[in-house]
Amino acid sequence: IVGGLNLVLRPNVSLQCLKLNMLSQDG
């Protein structure tokens, strides 16, 4: 069995990505 997992639950983690200029502003 091979699995891949990801949930986006905490804004603080996304904020880290934002500060690194990784996120598309229009989503």
PDB file of all heavy atoms in Angstrom:
ATOM      1  N   ILE A   1       0.862  -1.169   0.000  1.00  0.00           N
ATOM      2  CA  ILE A   1       0.000   0.000   0.000  1.00  0.00           C
ATOM      3  C   ILE A   1       0.906   1.229   0.000  1.00  0.00           C
ATOM      4  O   ILE A   1       1.814   1.328   0.825  1.00  0.00           O
ATOM      5  CB  ILE A   1      -0.917   0.023   1.240  1.00  0.00           C
ATOM      6  CG1 ILE A   1      -2.007  -1.040   1.131  1.00  0.00           C
ATOM      7  CG2 ILE A   1      -1.540   1.406   1.417  1.00  0.00           C
ATOM      8  CD1 ILE A   1      -3.069  -0.751   0.083  1.00  0.00           C
ATOM      9  N   VAL A   2       0.678   2.135  -0.939  1.00  0.00           N
ATOM     10  CA  VAL A   2       1.421   3.397  -0.976  1.00  0.00           C
ATOM     11  C   VAL A   2       0.431   4.527  -0.744  1.00  0.00           C
ATOM     12  O   VAL A   2      -0.620   4.587  -1.393  1.00  0.00           O
ATOM     13  CB  VAL A   2       2.137   3.600  -2.322  1.00  0.00           C
ATOM     14  CG1 VAL A   2       2.914   4.915  -2.312  1.00  0.00           C
ATOM     15  CG2 VAL A   2       3.063   2.433  -2.623  1.00  0.00           C
ATOM     16  N   GLY A   3       0.747   5.404   0.192  1.00  0.00           N
ATOM     17  CA  GLY A   3      -0.148   6.509   0.512  1.00  0.00           C
ATOM     18  C   GLY A   3       0.512   7.853   0.350  1.00  0.00           C
ATOM     19  O   GLY A   3       1.739   7.983   0.427  1.00  0.00           O
ATOM     20  N   GLY A   4      -0.304   8.857   0.108  1.00  0.00           N
ATOM     21  CA  GLY A   4       0.142  10.239   0.092  1.00  0.00           C
ATOM     22  C   GLY A   4      -0.872  11.076   0.849  1.00  0.00           C
ATOM     23  O   GLY A   4      -2.084  10.985   0.585  1.00  0.00           O
ATOM     24  N   LEU A   5      -0.401  11.882   1.822  1.00  0.00           N
ATOM     25  CA  LEU A   5      -1.309  12.585   2.726  1.00  0.00           C
ATOM     26  C   LEU A   5      -0.980  14.067   2.804  1.00  0.00           C
ATOM     27  O   LEU A   5       0.186  14.445   2.913  1.00  0.00           O
ATOM     28  CB  LEU A   5      -1.212  12.006   4.145  1.00  0.00           C
ATOM     29  CG  LEU A   5      -1.222  10.486   4.318  1.00  0.00           C
ATOM     30  CD1 LEU A   5      -1.060  10.136   5.798  1.00  0.00           C
ATOM     31  CD2 LEU A   5      -2.497   9.889   3.764  1.00  0.00           C
ATOM     32  N   ASN A   6      -2.005  14.907   2.782  1.00  0.00           N
ATOM     33  CA  ASN A   6      -1.813  16.335   3.031  1.00  0.00           C
ATOM     34  C   ASN A   6      -3.147  16.986   3.369  1.00  0.00           C
ATOM     35  O   ASN A   6      -4.121  16.842   2.635  1.00  0.00           O
ATOM     36  CB  ASN A   6      -1.229  17.043   1.804  1.00  0.00           C
ATOM     37  CG  ASN A   6      -0.659  18.411   2.149  1.00  0.00           C
ATOM     38  OD1 ASN A   6       0.175  18.525   3.046  1.00  0.00           O
ATOM     39  ND2 ASN A   6      -1.104  19.456   1.458  1.00  0.00           N
ATOM     40  N   LEU A   7      -3.199  17.653   4.510  1.00  0.00           N
ATOM     41  CA  LEU A   7      -4.358  18.456   4.883  1.00  0.00           C
ATOM     42  C   LEU A   7      -3.899  19.861   5.229  1.00  0.00           C
ATOM     43  O   LEU A   7      -2.849  20.043   5.866  1.00  0.00           O
ATOM     44  CB  LEU A   7      -5.097  17.839   6.077  1.00  0.00           C
ATOM     45  CG  LEU A   7      -5.818  16.515   5.835  1.00  0.00           C
ATOM     46  CD1 LEU A   7      -6.514  16.043   7.111  1.00  0.00           C
ATOM     47  CD2 LEU A   7      -6.829  16.630   4.699  1.00  0.00           C
ATOM     48  N   VAL A   8      -4.687  20.852   4.832  1.00  0.00           N
ATOM     49  CA  VAL A   8      -4.354  22.261   5.056  1.00  0.00           C
ATOM     50  C   VAL A   8      -5.280  22.785   6.142  1.00  0.00           C
ATOM     51  O   VAL A   8      -6.407  23.219   5.865  1.00  0.00           O
ATOM     52  CB  VAL A   8      -4.513  23.063   3.749  1.00  0.00           C
ATOM     53  CG1 VAL A   8      -4.160  24.527   3.972  1.00  0.00           C
ATOM     54  CG2 VAL A   8      -3.628  22.465   2.646  1.00  0.00           C
ATOM     55  N   LEU A   9      -4.841  22.715   7.390  1.00  0.00           N
ATOM     56  CA  LEU A   9      -5.711  22.983   8.531  1.00  0.00           C
ATOM     57  C   LEU A   9      -5.323  24.239   9.303  1.00  0.00           C
ATOM     58  O   LEU A   9      -6.174  24.841   9.952  1.00  0.00           O
ATOM     59  CB  LEU A   9      -5.694  21.790   9.492  1.00  0.00           C
ATOM     60  CG  LEU A   9      -6.087  20.430   8.900  1.00  0.00           C
ATOM     61  CD1 LEU A   9      -5.953  19.344   9.952  1.00  0.00           C
ATOM     62  CD2 LEU A   9      -7.495  20.466   8.337  1.00  0.00           C
ATOM     63  N   ARG A  10      -4.054  24.635   9.266  1.00  0.00           N
ATOM     64  CA  ARG A  10      -3.599  25.751  10.084  1.00  0.00           C
ATOM     65  C   ARG A  10      -3.125  26.901   9.193  1.00  0.00           C
ATOM     66  O   ARG A  10      -2.255  26.715   8.336  1.00  0.00           O
ATOM     67  CB  ARG A  10      -2.443  25.316  10.987  1.00  0.00           C
ATOM     68  CG  ARG A  10      -2.823  24.351  12.086  1.00  0.00           C
ATOM     69  CD  ARG A  10      -1.596  23.834  12.818  1.00  0.00           C
ATOM     70  NE  ARG A  10      -0.772  24.917  13.310  1.00  0.00           N
ATOM     71  CZ  ARG A  10       0.530  24.788  13.587  1.00  0.00           C
ATOM     72  NH1 ARG A  10       1.134  23.635  13.394  1.00  0.00           N
ATOM     73  NH2 ARG A  10       1.209  25.804  14.047  1.00  0.00           N
ATOM     74  N   PRO A  11      -3.676  28.090   9.386  1.00  0.00           N
ATOM     75  CA  PRO A  11      -3.233  29.224   8.576  1.00  0.00           C
ATOM     76  C   PRO A  11      -1.761  29.559   8.764  1.00  0.00           C
ATOM     77  O   PRO A  11      -1.130  30.109   7.860  1.00  0.00           O
ATOM     78  CB  PRO A  11      -4.139  30.367   9.050  1.00  0.00           C
ATOM     79  CG  PRO A  11      -4.607  29.966  10.415  1.00  0.00           C
ATOM     80  CD  PRO A  11      -4.712  28.469  10.365  1.00  0.00           C
ATOM     81  N   ASN A  12      -1.200  29.213   9.925  1.00  0.00           N
ATOM     82  CA  ASN A  12       0.201  29.557  10.183  1.00  0.00           C
ATOM     83  C   ASN A  12       1.149  28.872   9.204  1.00  0.00           C
ATOM     84  O   ASN A  12       2.183  29.432   8.822  1.00  0.00           O
ATOM     85  CB  ASN A  12       0.589  29.161  11.620  1.00  0.00           C
ATOM     86  CG  ASN A  12      -0.107  30.026  12.653  1.00  0.00           C
ATOM     87  OD1 ASN A  12      -1.054  30.734  12.327  1.00  0.00           O
ATOM     88  ND2 ASN A  12       0.355  29.960  13.891  1.00  0.00           N
ATOM     89  N   VAL A  13       0.832  27.629   8.797  1.00  0.00           N
ATOM     90  CA  VAL A  13       1.688  26.933   7.843  1.00  0.00           C
ATOM     91  C   VAL A  13       1.594  27.614   6.474  1.00  0.00           C
ATOM     92  O   VAL A  13       2.608  27.837   5.807  1.00  0.00           O
ATOM     93  CB  VAL A  13       1.286  25.452   7.732  1.00  0.00           C
ATOM     94  CG1 VAL A  13       2.145  24.741   6.686  1.00  0.00           C
ATOM     95  CG2 VAL A  13       1.425  24.760   9.089  1.00  0.00           C
ATOM     96  N   SER A  14       0.382  27.963   6.061  1.00  0.00           N
ATOM     97  CA  SER A  14       0.223  28.674   4.798  1.00  0.00           C
ATOM     98  C   SER A  14       0.904  30.036   4.847  1.00  0.00           C
ATOM     99  O   SER A  14       1.447  30.514   3.835  1.00  0.00           O
ATOM    100  CB  SER A  14      -1.267  28.848   4.479  1.00  0.00           C
ATOM    101  OG  SER A  14      -1.873  27.600   4.196  1.00  0.00           O
ATOM    102  N   LEU A  15       0.894  30.658   6.020  1.00  0.00           N
ATOM    103  CA  LEU A  15       1.562  31.952   6.171  1.00  0.00           C
ATOM    104  C   LEU A  15       3.067  31.831   5.941  1.00  0.00           C
ATOM    105  O   LEU A  15       3.694  32.725   5.367  1.00  0.00           O
ATOM    106  CB  LEU A  15       1.267  32.534   7.556  1.00  0.00           C
ATOM    107  CG  LEU A  15       1.786  33.942   7.831  1.00  0.00           C
ATOM    108  CD1 LEU A  15       1.212  34.942   6.835  1.00  0.00           C
ATOM    109  CD2 LEU A  15       1.449  34.363   9.266  1.00  0.00           C
ATOM    110  N   GLN A  16       3.641  30.724   6.386  1.00  0.00           N
ATOM    111  CA  GLN A  16       5.065  30.478   6.107  1.00  0.00           C
ATOM    112  C   GLN A  16       5.313  30.468   4.591  1.00  0.00           C
ATOM    113  O   GLN A  16       6.268  31.060   4.094  1.00  0.00           O
ATOM    114  CB  GLN A  16       5.486  29.124   6.694  1.00  0.00           C
ATOM    115  CG  GLN A  16       5.488  29.038   8.200  1.00  0.00           C
ATOM    116  CD  GLN A  16       6.791  29.553   8.809  1.00  0.00           C
ATOM    117  OE1 GLN A  16       7.635  30.123   8.131  1.00  0.00           O
ATOM    118  NE2 GLN A  16       6.937  29.346  10.109  1.00  0.00           N
ATOM    119  N   CYS A  17       4.432  29.782   3.856  1.00  0.00           N
ATOM    120  CA  CYS A  17       4.572  29.729   2.395  1.00  0.00           C
ATOM    121  C   CYS A  17       4.410  31.114   1.784  1.00  0.00           C
ATOM    122  O   CYS A  17       5.106  31.475   0.827  1.00  0.00           O
ATOM    123  CB  CYS A  17       3.535  28.775   1.805  1.00  0.00           C
ATOM    124  SG  CYS A  17       3.709  27.058   2.343  1.00  0.00           S
ATOM    125  N   LEU A  18       3.480  31.904   2.332  1.00  0.00           N
ATOM    126  CA  LEU A  18       3.265  33.264   1.830  1.00  0.00           C
ATOM    127  C   LEU A  18       4.510  34.113   2.027  1.00  0.00           C
ATOM    128  O   LEU A  18       4.912  34.864   1.117  1.00  0.00           O
ATOM    129  CB  LEU A  18       2.066  33.887   2.546  1.00  0.00           C
ATOM    130  CG  LEU A  18       1.688  35.311   2.120  1.00  0.00           C
ATOM    131  CD1 LEU A  18       1.178  35.311   0.682  1.00  0.00           C
ATOM    132  CD2 LEU A  18       0.634  35.896   3.059  1.00  0.00           C
ATOM    133  N   LYS A  19       5.135  34.002   3.195  1.00  0.00           N
ATOM    134  CA  LYS A  19       6.336  34.790   3.483  1.00  0.00           C
ATOM    135  C   LYS A  19       7.503  34.389   2.592  1.00  0.00           C
ATOM    136  O   LYS A  19       8.418  35.192   2.353  1.00  0.00           O
ATOM    137  CB  LYS A  19       6.723  34.635   4.954  1.00  0.00           C
ATOM    138  CG  LYS A  19       5.692  35.183   5.933  1.00  0.00           C
ATOM    139  CD  LYS A  19       5.488  36.685   5.783  1.00  0.00           C
ATOM    140  CE  LYS A  19       4.537  37.220   6.838  1.00  0.00           C
ATOM    141  NZ  LYS A  19       4.316  38.695   6.673  1.00  0.00           N
ATOM    142  N   LEU A  20       7.494  33.158   2.097  1.00  0.00           N
ATOM    143  CA  LEU A  20       8.539  32.700   1.179  1.00  0.00           C
ATOM    144  C   LEU A  20       8.184  33.009  -0.281  1.00  0.00           C
ATOM    145  O   LEU A  20       8.886  32.581  -1.201  1.00  0.00           O
ATOM    146  CB  LEU A  20       8.759  31.191   1.334  1.00  0.00           C
ATOM    147  CG  LEU A  20       9.460  30.735   2.611  1.00  0.00           C
ATOM    148  CD1 LEU A  20       9.424  29.215   2.736  1.00  0.00           C
ATOM    149  CD2 LEU A  20      10.906  31.223   2.643  1.00  0.00           C
ATOM    150  N   ASN A  21       7.094  33.755  -0.494  1.00  0.00           N
ATOM    151  CA  ASN A  21       6.638  34.140  -1.841  1.00  0.00           C
ATOM    152  C   ASN A  21       6.337  32.927  -2.716  1.00  0.00           C
ATOM    153  O   ASN A  21       6.571  32.955  -3.923  1.00  0.00           O
ATOM    154  CB  ASN A  21       7.688  35.033  -2.528  1.00  0.00           C
ATOM    155  CG  ASN A  21       7.891  36.347  -1.803  1.00  0.00           C
ATOM    156  OD1 ASN A  21       6.925  37.004  -1.412  1.00  0.00           O
ATOM    157  ND2 ASN A  21       9.144  36.728  -1.610  1.00  0.00           N
ATOM    158  N   MET A  22       5.795  31.886  -2.104  1.00  0.00           N
ATOM    159  CA  MET A  22       5.485  30.663  -2.839  1.00  0.00           C
ATOM    160  C   MET A  22       4.065  30.625  -3.378  1.00  0.00           C
ATOM    161  O   MET A  22       3.764  29.862  -4.295  1.00  0.00           O
ATOM    162  CB  MET A  22       5.700  29.446  -1.925  1.00  0.00           C
ATOM    163  CG  MET A  22       7.133  29.229  -1.489  1.00  0.00           C
ATOM    164  SD  MET A  22       7.262  28.022  -0.136  1.00  0.00           S
ATOM    165  CE  MET A  22       6.477  26.599  -0.870  1.00  0.00           C
ATOM    166  N   LEU A  23       3.139  31.430  -2.817  1.00  0.00           N
ATOM    167  CA  LEU A  23       1.718  31.276  -3.096  1.00  0.00           C
ATOM    168  C   LEU A  23       1.234  32.188  -4.216  1.00  0.00           C
ATOM    169  O   LEU A  23       1.628  33.351  -4.306  1.00  0.00           O
ATOM    170  CB  LEU A  23       0.898  31.562  -1.834  1.00  0.00           C
ATOM    171  CG  LEU A  23       1.169  30.673  -0.621  1.00  0.00           C
ATOM    172  CD1 LEU A  23       0.210  31.017   0.505  1.00  0.00           C
ATOM    173  CD2 LEU A  23       1.059  29.200  -0.973  1.00  0.00           C
ATOM    174  N   SER A  24       0.361  31.639  -5.044  1.00  0.00           N
ATOM    175  CA  SER A  24      -0.324  32.428  -6.066  1.00  0.00           C
ATOM    176  C   SER A  24      -1.347  33.327  -5.386  1.00  0.00           C
ATOM    177  O   SER A  24      -2.204  32.846  -4.639  1.00  0.00           O
ATOM    178  CB  SER A  24      -1.016  31.501  -7.064  1.00  0.00           C
ATOM    179  OG  SER A  24      -1.898  32.214  -7.894  1.00  0.00           O
ATOM    180  N   GLN A  25      -1.283  34.611  -5.637  1.00  0.00           N
ATOM    181  CA  GLN A  25      -2.156  35.549  -4.935  1.00  0.00           C
ATOM    182  C   GLN A  25      -3.627  35.368  -5.295  1.00  0.00           C
ATOM    183  O   GLN A  25      -4.505  35.588  -4.458  1.00  0.00           O
ATOM    184  CB  GLN A  25      -1.713  36.985  -5.232  1.00  0.00           C
ATOM    185  CG  GLN A  25      -0.438  37.392  -4.509  1.00  0.00           C
ATOM    186  CD  GLN A  25      -0.567  37.301  -2.999  1.00  0.00           C
ATOM    187  OE1 GLN A  25      -1.548  37.745  -2.408  1.00  0.00           O
ATOM    188  NE2 GLN A  25       0.421  36.692  -2.360  1.00  0.00           N
ATOM    189  N   ASP A  26      -3.903  34.973  -6.543  1.00  0.00           N
ATOM    190  CA  ASP A  26      -5.306  34.790  -6.910  1.00  0.00           C
ATOM    191  C   ASP A  26      -5.788  33.361  -6.692  1.00  0.00           C
ATOM    192  O   ASP A  26      -6.925  33.014  -7.029  1.00  0.00           O
ATOM    193  CB  ASP A  26      -5.557  35.220  -8.361  1.00  0.00           C
ATOM    194  CG  ASP A  26      -4.777  34.389  -9.373  1.00  0.00           C
ATOM    195  OD1 ASP A  26      -4.068  33.449  -8.967  1.00  0.00           O
ATOM    196  OD2 ASP A  26      -4.880  34.689 -10.582  1.00  0.00           O
ATOM    197  N   GLY A  27      -4.928  32.497  -6.130  1.00  0.00           N
ATOM    198  CA  GLY A  27      -5.334  31.134  -5.815  1.00  0.00           C
ATOM    199  C   GLY A  27      -5.576  30.282  -7.035  1.00  0.00           C
ATOM    200  O   GLY A  27      -6.371  29.345  -6.991  1.00  0.00           O
TER     201      GLY A  27
END
